[in-house]
Amino acid sequence: HLATQFADRTVSRQYVALAWGVIHENERLIEGDIGRSPRDRTLRAIVRSGGKYAATEVTVQERFLFATLITCKLRTGRTHQIRVHMASLGHPLVGDRLYGGARHDLIDRQALHAFHLSFNQPMTGKALRFESPLPADMQSLLTAWGLKNPLG
């Protein structure tokens, strides 16, 4: 039953991320087929043919001089979807060395965190909601930039 919910796209997954550059639109739907990169088969990319449809809803939470804090809601679930979509816009994630995001001294990975998951319990049908606090390394980075916990 849970696999069916994923296939039917009724599972809600939300992420918080820090992207390089200032994103001017408050909300945006990013769509593009994702497949293997023609330049490096170990990576994913937006492709013209041979990929699978992917859609990510992006909402700006906070703008800094050189980066933007965003939340991303997945409409689909492709490998590296958020990372590929943001890089395709010229806003790779902070610390994402694979997709063009320069590293930062305060975080040794891509600044991406799954903070929300909700679905119906397969046996009872009860709506379940799970949330995860921001990891210490991302919180330290945002605190250094003058932002308290963006997840409340």
N, C-alpha and C. Protein backbone atom coordinates (compact mmCIF):
# COMPACT_ATOMS: atom_id res chain seq x y z
N HIS A 1 0.81 -1.20 0.00
CA HIS A 1 0.00 0.00 0.00
C HIS A 1 0.86 1.26 0.00
N LEU A 2 1.97 1.21 0.72
CA LEU A 2 2.85 2.37 0.77
C LEU A 2 3.50 2.61 -0.60
N ALA A 3 3.93 1.55 -1.25
CA ALA A 3 4.52 1.68 -2.60
C ALA A 3 3.51 2.29 -3.57
N THR A 4 2.26 1.93 -3.42
CA THR A 4 1.21 2.48 -4.28
C THR A 4 1.06 3.98 -4.04
N GLN A 5 1.16 4.41 -2.79
CA GLN A 5 1.07 5.83 -2.49
C GLN A 5 2.21 6.61 -3.14
N PHE A 6 3.41 6.03 -3.12
CA PHE A 6 4.54 6.68 -3.80
C PHE A 6 4.27 6.75 -5.30
N ALA A 7 3.79 5.64 -5.88
CA ALA A 7 3.52 5.59 -7.32
C ALA A 7 2.41 6.57 -7.71
N ASP A 8 1.41 6.71 -6.84
CA ASP A 8 0.29 7.62 -7.11
C ASP A 8 0.62 9.07 -6.75
N ARG A 9 1.81 9.28 -6.22
CA ARG A 9 2.29 10.62 -5.84
C ARG A 9 1.42 11.27 -4.76
N THR A 10 0.96 10.45 -3.82
CA THR A 10 0.16 10.98 -2.70
C THR A 10 0.99 11.13 -1.43
N VAL A 11 2.25 10.68 -1.46
CA VAL A 11 3.16 10.88 -0.34
C VAL A 11 3.72 12.29 -0.46
N SER A 12 3.69 13.05 0.61
CA SER A 12 4.22 14.41 0.61
C SER A 12 5.63 14.41 1.17
N ARG A 13 6.58 14.93 0.39
CA ARG A 13 7.97 15.03 0.82
C ARG A 13 8.44 16.46 0.63
N GLN A 14 8.96 17.05 1.70
CA GLN A 14 9.45 18.42 1.61
C GLN A 14 10.87 18.49 2.16
N TYR A 15 11.63 19.35 1.52
CA TYR A 15 13.04 19.52 1.86
C TYR A 15 13.32 21.00 2.07
N VAL A 16 14.34 21.29 2.86
CA VAL A 16 14.87 22.64 2.97
C VAL A 16 16.28 22.58 2.39
N ALA A 17 16.65 23.63 1.66
CA ALA A 17 17.95 23.65 1.00
C ALA A 17 18.47 25.07 0.95
N LEU A 18 19.77 25.17 0.79
CA LEU A 18 20.42 26.45 0.62
C LEU A 18 21.09 26.45 -0.75
N ALA A 19 20.63 27.34 -1.62
CA ALA A 19 21.13 27.40 -3.00
C ALA A 19 22.00 28.63 -3.18
N TRP A 20 23.05 28.49 -3.96
CA TRP A 20 23.91 29.63 -4.27
C TRP A 20 23.16 30.61 -5.17
N GLY A 21 23.39 31.89 -4.97
CA GLY A 21 22.77 32.94 -5.77
C GLY A 21 21.44 33.37 -5.19
N VAL A 22 20.97 34.50 -5.68
CA VAL A 22 19.70 35.04 -5.20
C VAL A 22 18.60 34.61 -6.19
N ILE A 23 17.63 33.90 -5.69
CA ILE A 23 16.47 33.48 -6.49
C ILE A 23 15.41 34.55 -6.32
N HIS A 24 15.01 35.16 -7.43
CA HIS A 24 14.12 36.32 -7.35
C HIS A 24 12.64 35.96 -7.24
N GLU A 25 12.20 34.87 -7.88
CA GLU A 25 10.79 34.49 -7.79
C GLU A 25 10.52 33.92 -6.40
N ASN A 26 9.39 34.27 -5.80
CA ASN A 26 9.04 33.73 -4.49
C ASN A 26 8.66 32.26 -4.57
N GLU A 27 8.00 31.89 -5.65
CA GLU A 27 7.60 30.50 -5.86
C GLU A 27 7.84 30.14 -7.31
N ARG A 28 8.19 28.87 -7.53
CA ARG A 28 8.45 28.43 -8.89
C ARG A 28 8.25 26.93 -8.99
N LEU A 29 7.70 26.49 -10.09
CA LEU A 29 7.62 25.07 -10.40
C LEU A 29 8.71 24.78 -11.42
N ILE A 30 9.60 23.87 -11.07
CA ILE A 30 10.67 23.47 -11.99
C ILE A 30 10.27 22.13 -12.57
N GLU A 31 10.24 22.06 -13.89
CA GLU A 31 9.90 20.83 -14.58
C GLU A 31 10.98 20.53 -15.60
N GLY A 32 11.26 19.28 -15.79
CA GLY A 32 12.23 18.86 -16.80
C GLY A 32 12.50 17.38 -16.66
N ASP A 33 12.64 16.72 -17.79
CA ASP A 33 12.96 15.30 -17.76
C ASP A 33 14.38 15.09 -17.26
N ILE A 34 14.52 14.16 -16.32
CA ILE A 34 15.84 13.87 -15.74
C ILE A 34 16.28 12.49 -16.21
N GLY A 35 17.52 12.44 -16.67
CA GLY A 35 18.13 11.18 -17.10
C GLY A 35 19.62 11.24 -16.84
N ARG A 36 20.33 10.27 -17.33
CA ARG A 36 21.79 10.26 -17.17
C ARG A 36 22.39 11.41 -17.97
N SER A 37 23.38 12.04 -17.39
CA SER A 37 24.06 13.14 -18.07
C SER A 37 24.82 12.61 -19.28
N PRO A 38 24.69 13.26 -20.44
CA PRO A 38 25.45 12.81 -21.60
C PRO A 38 26.95 13.05 -21.46
N ARG A 39 27.34 13.96 -20.57
CA ARG A 39 28.76 14.27 -20.37
C ARG A 39 29.42 13.38 -19.32
N ASP A 40 28.64 12.94 -18.34
CA ASP A 40 29.17 12.10 -17.27
C ASP A 40 28.06 11.15 -16.84
N ARG A 41 28.16 9.91 -17.23
CA ARG A 41 27.09 8.93 -17.00
C ARG A 41 26.84 8.63 -15.52
N THR A 42 27.73 9.09 -14.63
CA THR A 42 27.52 8.87 -13.20
C THR A 42 26.60 9.94 -12.60
N LEU A 43 26.33 11.01 -13.36
CA LEU A 43 25.49 12.10 -12.89
C LEU A 43 24.15 12.10 -13.60
N ARG A 44 23.23 12.85 -13.06
CA ARG A 44 21.92 13.07 -13.68
C ARG A 44 21.90 14.48 -14.27
N ALA A 45 20.98 14.69 -15.22
CA ALA A 45 20.85 15.99 -15.85
C ALA A 45 19.46 16.14 -16.44
N ILE A 46 19.10 17.38 -16.76
CA ILE A 46 17.89 17.62 -17.53
C ILE A 46 18.24 17.20 -18.97
N VAL A 47 17.43 16.32 -19.53
CA VAL A 47 17.71 15.79 -20.87
C VAL A 47 16.52 16.02 -21.79
N ARG A 48 16.82 16.05 -23.09
CA ARG A 48 15.75 16.26 -24.09
C ARG A 48 15.02 14.97 -24.41
N SER A 49 15.71 13.85 -24.32
CA SER A 49 15.06 12.57 -24.58
C SER A 49 15.68 11.50 -23.69
N GLY A 50 14.90 10.46 -23.41
CA GLY A 50 15.41 9.36 -22.63
C GLY A 50 15.33 9.54 -21.13
N GLY A 51 14.77 10.64 -20.67
CA GLY A 51 14.65 10.86 -19.24
C GLY A 51 13.24 10.61 -18.75
N LYS A 52 13.03 10.85 -17.47
CA LYS A 52 11.71 10.72 -16.87
C LYS A 52 11.28 12.08 -16.33
N TYR A 53 9.99 12.36 -16.49
CA TYR A 53 9.44 13.63 -16.05
C TYR A 53 9.72 13.83 -14.56
N ALA A 54 10.09 15.06 -14.21
CA ALA A 54 10.33 15.42 -12.82
C ALA A 54 9.80 16.83 -12.58
N ALA A 55 9.20 17.05 -11.40
CA ALA A 55 8.66 18.36 -11.04
C ALA A 55 8.96 18.64 -9.57
N THR A 56 9.46 19.85 -9.33
CA THR A 56 9.79 20.30 -7.98
C THR A 56 9.19 21.67 -7.75
N GLU A 57 8.42 21.83 -6.67
CA GLU A 57 7.88 23.13 -6.28
C GLU A 57 8.90 23.79 -5.34
N VAL A 58 9.36 24.98 -5.70
CA VAL A 58 10.36 25.70 -4.91
C VAL A 58 9.73 26.97 -4.34
N THR A 59 9.92 27.17 -3.03
CA THR A 59 9.44 28.38 -2.35
C THR A 59 10.60 29.03 -1.62
N VAL A 60 10.80 30.32 -1.86
CA VAL A 60 11.88 31.05 -1.18
C VAL A 60 11.45 31.33 0.26
N GLN A 61 12.36 31.02 1.20
CA GLN A 61 12.14 31.31 2.61
C GLN A 61 12.90 32.54 3.08
N GLU A 62 14.13 32.69 2.55
CA GLU A 62 14.99 33.81 2.97
C GLU A 62 16.05 34.04 1.90
N ARG A 63 16.30 35.30 1.61
CA ARG A 63 17.35 35.66 0.65
C ARG A 63 18.53 36.27 1.39
N PHE A 64 19.71 35.84 1.04
CA PHE A 64 20.94 36.42 1.56
C PHE A 64 21.61 37.16 0.39
N LEU A 65 22.73 37.80 0.62
CA LEU A 65 23.41 38.52 -0.46
C LEU A 65 23.92 37.59 -1.55
N PHE A 66 24.21 36.34 -1.20
CA PHE A 66 24.88 35.43 -2.13
C PHE A 66 24.24 34.05 -2.19
N ALA A 67 23.13 33.85 -1.47
CA ALA A 67 22.48 32.54 -1.43
C ALA A 67 21.01 32.72 -1.06
N THR A 68 20.22 31.66 -1.28
CA THR A 68 18.80 31.70 -0.97
C THR A 68 18.40 30.43 -0.24
N LEU A 69 17.68 30.60 0.87
CA LEU A 69 17.13 29.46 1.60
C LEU A 69 15.78 29.14 0.98
N ILE A 70 15.59 27.88 0.59
CA ILE A 70 14.37 27.47 -0.09
C ILE A 70 13.78 26.23 0.56
N THR A 71 12.48 26.04 0.34
CA THR A 71 11.88 24.74 0.61
C THR A 71 11.46 24.17 -0.74
N CYS A 72 11.56 22.86 -0.84
CA CYS A 72 11.24 22.15 -2.08
C CYS A 72 10.24 21.05 -1.77
N LYS A 73 9.17 21.04 -2.54
CA LYS A 73 8.18 19.97 -2.42
C LYS A 73 8.25 19.14 -3.69
N LEU A 74 8.48 17.86 -3.53
CA LEU A 74 8.61 16.98 -4.68
C LEU A 74 7.24 16.54 -5.18
N ARG A 75 7.01 16.73 -6.47
CA ARG A 75 5.82 16.16 -7.10
C ARG A 75 6.16 14.78 -7.66
N THR A 76 7.42 14.56 -7.94
CA THR A 76 7.92 13.28 -8.43
C THR A 76 9.13 12.92 -7.58
N GLY A 77 9.71 11.78 -7.81
CA GLY A 77 10.87 11.38 -7.01
C GLY A 77 11.95 10.77 -7.88
N ARG A 78 12.78 11.60 -8.45
CA ARG A 78 13.87 11.14 -9.30
C ARG A 78 15.19 11.26 -8.54
N THR A 79 16.14 10.44 -8.92
CA THR A 79 17.46 10.49 -8.30
C THR A 79 18.07 11.88 -8.46
N HIS A 80 18.47 12.47 -7.34
CA HIS A 80 19.12 13.78 -7.29
C HIS A 80 18.23 14.90 -7.84
N GLN A 81 16.92 14.71 -7.80
CA GLN A 81 15.99 15.65 -8.44
C GLN A 81 16.20 17.11 -8.04
N ILE A 82 16.22 17.40 -6.76
CA ILE A 82 16.37 18.79 -6.32
C ILE A 82 17.72 19.33 -6.75
N ARG A 83 18.75 18.54 -6.58
CA ARG A 83 20.10 18.97 -6.93
C ARG A 83 20.21 19.28 -8.42
N VAL A 84 19.63 18.41 -9.25
CA VAL A 84 19.67 18.61 -10.71
C VAL A 84 18.84 19.82 -11.11
N HIS A 85 17.63 19.93 -10.57
CA HIS A 85 16.77 21.06 -10.93
C HIS A 85 17.40 22.39 -10.54
N MET A 86 17.93 22.48 -9.34
CA MET A 86 18.52 23.75 -8.91
C MET A 86 19.78 24.09 -9.73
N ALA A 87 20.60 23.10 -9.99
CA ALA A 87 21.80 23.34 -10.81
C ALA A 87 21.40 23.79 -12.23
N SER A 88 20.31 23.23 -12.75
CA SER A 88 19.88 23.60 -14.11
C SER A 88 19.45 25.06 -14.19
N LEU A 89 19.06 25.64 -13.07
CA LEU A 89 18.67 27.06 -13.02
C LEU A 89 19.85 27.98 -12.75
N GLY A 90 21.03 27.38 -12.54
CA GLY A 90 22.20 28.18 -12.20
C GLY A 90 22.28 28.48 -10.71
N HIS A 91 21.54 27.71 -9.90
CA HIS A 91 21.54 27.88 -8.44
C HIS A 91 21.84 26.55 -7.77
N PRO A 92 23.06 26.01 -7.96
CA PRO A 92 23.38 24.74 -7.31
C PRO A 92 23.34 24.88 -5.80
N LEU A 93 23.17 23.78 -5.11
CA LEU A 93 23.11 23.81 -3.66
C LEU A 93 24.48 24.06 -3.07
N VAL A 94 24.50 24.80 -1.98
CA VAL A 94 25.73 25.05 -1.25
C VAL A 94 26.34 23.70 -0.87
N GLY A 95 27.61 23.53 -1.15
CA GLY A 95 28.33 22.31 -0.79
C GLY A 95 28.15 21.14 -1.73
N ASP A 96 27.38 21.30 -2.80
CA ASP A 96 27.10 20.19 -3.72
C ASP A 96 28.17 20.14 -4.81
N ARG A 97 29.24 19.47 -4.51
CA ARG A 97 30.38 19.41 -5.44
C ARG A 97 30.05 18.69 -6.73
N LEU A 98 29.13 17.71 -6.70
CA LEU A 98 28.79 16.97 -7.92
C LEU A 98 28.06 17.83 -8.95
N TYR A 99 27.24 18.75 -8.46
CA TYR A 99 26.40 19.53 -9.38
C TYR A 99 26.75 21.01 -9.38
N GLY A 100 27.99 21.34 -9.08
CA GLY A 100 28.48 22.69 -9.27
C GLY A 100 28.38 23.64 -8.10
N GLY A 101 27.98 23.16 -6.95
CA GLY A 101 27.87 24.03 -5.79
C GLY A 101 29.15 24.05 -5.00
N ALA A 102 29.80 25.19 -4.94
CA ALA A 102 31.07 25.30 -4.22
C ALA A 102 30.88 24.91 -2.76
N ARG A 103 31.92 24.37 -2.19
CA ARG A 103 31.86 23.98 -0.79
C ARG A 103 31.86 25.22 0.10
N HIS A 104 31.52 25.01 1.33
CA HIS A 104 31.54 26.08 2.32
C HIS A 104 32.20 25.52 3.57
N ASP A 105 32.96 26.36 4.27
CA ASP A 105 33.72 25.91 5.44
C ASP A 105 32.85 25.32 6.54
N LEU A 106 31.59 25.74 6.64
CA LEU A 106 30.74 25.31 7.74
C LEU A 106 29.91 24.07 7.43
N ILE A 107 29.98 23.57 6.20
CA ILE A 107 29.21 22.37 5.87
C ILE A 107 30.01 21.54 4.86
N ASP A 108 30.09 20.25 5.12
CA ASP A 108 30.93 19.37 4.30
C ASP A 108 30.08 18.43 3.43
N ARG A 109 28.93 18.92 2.99
CA ARG A 109 28.00 18.14 2.15
C ARG A 109 27.06 19.13 1.50
N GLN A 110 26.16 18.64 0.66
CA GLN A 110 25.19 19.56 0.09
C GLN A 110 24.22 20.01 1.18
N ALA A 111 23.85 21.28 1.12
CA ALA A 111 22.96 21.86 2.12
C ALA A 111 21.51 21.53 1.75
N LEU A 112 21.13 20.29 2.02
CA LEU A 112 19.81 19.77 1.67
C LEU A 112 19.35 18.86 2.80
N HIS A 113 18.11 19.07 3.26
CA HIS A 113 17.61 18.29 4.40
C HIS A 113 16.14 17.96 4.20
N ALA A 114 15.81 16.68 4.31
CA ALA A 114 14.42 16.23 4.25
C ALA A 114 13.79 16.51 5.61
N PHE A 115 12.86 17.46 5.66
CA PHE A 115 12.29 17.82 6.96
C PHE A 115 10.85 17.38 7.15
N HIS A 116 10.18 16.94 6.08
CA HIS A 116 8.77 16.58 6.22
C HIS A 116 8.43 15.39 5.33
N LEU A 117 7.68 14.44 5.91
CA LEU A 117 7.17 13.29 5.16
C LEU A 117 5.79 12.98 5.71
N SER A 118 4.81 12.86 4.80
CA SER A 118 3.49 12.45 5.27
C SER A 118 2.87 11.49 4.27
N PHE A 119 2.11 10.53 4.82
CA PHE A 119 1.44 9.52 4.01
C PHE A 119 0.37 8.87 4.87
N ASN A 120 -0.44 8.05 4.25
CA ASN A 120 -1.47 7.31 5.00
C ASN A 120 -0.91 5.96 5.43
N GLN A 121 -1.11 5.62 6.69
CA GLN A 121 -0.64 4.34 7.21
C GLN A 121 -1.32 3.23 6.41
N PRO A 122 -0.55 2.31 5.81
CA PRO A 122 -1.12 1.32 4.90
C PRO A 122 -2.21 0.43 5.50
N MET A 123 -2.12 0.09 6.76
CA MET A 123 -3.11 -0.82 7.35
C MET A 123 -4.36 -0.11 7.86
N THR A 124 -4.17 1.07 8.46
CA THR A 124 -5.31 1.77 9.08
C THR A 124 -5.84 2.92 8.23
N GLY A 125 -5.04 3.41 7.31
CA GLY A 125 -5.44 4.57 6.51
C GLY A 125 -5.26 5.89 7.24
N LYS A 126 -4.78 5.84 8.48
CA LYS A 126 -4.58 7.05 9.27
C LYS A 126 -3.46 7.90 8.65
N ALA A 127 -3.70 9.21 8.58
CA ALA A 127 -2.69 10.13 8.05
C ALA A 127 -1.54 10.25 9.06
N LEU A 128 -0.34 10.01 8.58
CA LEU A 128 0.86 10.12 9.42
C LEU A 128 1.73 11.26 8.89
N ARG A 129 2.33 11.99 9.81
CA ARG A 129 3.19 13.12 9.45
C ARG A 129 4.45 13.05 10.30
N PHE A 130 5.59 13.12 9.63
CA PHE A 130 6.88 13.07 10.32
C PHE A 130 7.67 14.31 9.95
N GLU A 131 8.33 14.89 10.95
CA GLU A 131 9.19 16.04 10.70
C GLU A 131 10.52 15.83 11.40
N SER A 132 11.56 16.34 10.77
CA SER A 132 12.91 16.18 11.28
C SER A 132 13.54 17.56 11.44
N PRO A 133 14.13 17.84 12.61
CA PRO A 133 14.74 19.16 12.81
C PRO A 133 15.95 19.35 11.90
N LEU A 134 16.30 20.59 11.70
CA LEU A 134 17.45 20.93 10.87
C LEU A 134 18.72 20.37 11.51
N PRO A 135 19.58 19.70 10.71
CA PRO A 135 20.83 19.18 11.25
C PRO A 135 21.74 20.31 11.76
N ALA A 136 22.60 19.96 12.69
CA ALA A 136 23.46 20.96 13.34
C ALA A 136 24.33 21.71 12.34
N ASP A 137 24.87 21.01 11.32
CA ASP A 137 25.75 21.71 10.38
C ASP A 137 25.01 22.75 9.56
N MET A 138 23.79 22.44 9.13
CA MET A 138 23.01 23.44 8.39
C MET A 138 22.58 24.58 9.29
N GLN A 139 22.20 24.26 10.53
CA GLN A 139 21.81 25.30 11.47
C GLN A 139 22.98 26.23 11.77
N SER A 140 24.17 25.67 11.93
CA SER A 140 25.36 26.49 12.19
C SER A 140 25.64 27.44 11.03
N LEU A 141 25.49 26.95 9.82
CA LEU A 141 25.70 27.78 8.64
C LEU A 141 24.69 28.93 8.60
N LEU A 142 23.42 28.62 8.82
CA LEU A 142 22.40 29.66 8.79
C LEU A 142 22.54 30.64 9.95
N THR A 143 22.93 30.15 11.11
CA THR A 143 23.16 31.02 12.26
C THR A 143 24.31 31.98 11.96
N ALA A 144 25.36 31.49 11.33
CA ALA A 144 26.50 32.33 10.97
C ALA A 144 26.07 33.43 10.00
N TRP A 145 25.04 33.14 9.20
CA TRP A 145 24.52 34.12 8.24
C TRP A 145 23.39 34.96 8.82
N GLY A 146 23.10 34.78 10.12
CA GLY A 146 22.13 35.63 10.81
C GLY A 146 20.70 35.16 10.79
N LEU A 147 20.47 33.87 10.52
CA LEU A 147 19.10 33.34 10.50
C LEU A 147 18.94 32.31 11.59
N LYS A 148 17.87 32.44 12.34
CA LYS A 148 17.56 31.43 13.35
C LYS A 148 16.96 30.21 12.66
N ASN A 149 16.39 29.29 13.39
CA ASN A 149 15.86 28.06 12.81
C ASN A 149 14.70 28.36 11.86
N PRO A 150 14.88 28.09 10.55
CA PRO A 150 13.83 28.38 9.59
C PRO A 150 12.64 27.42 9.67
N LEU A 151 12.80 26.33 10.38
CA LEU A 151 11.72 25.35 10.49
C LEU A 151 10.86 25.58 11.73
N GLY A 152 11.19 26.63 12.46
CA GLY A 152 10.37 26.97 13.63
C GLY A 152 10.90 26.32 14.83
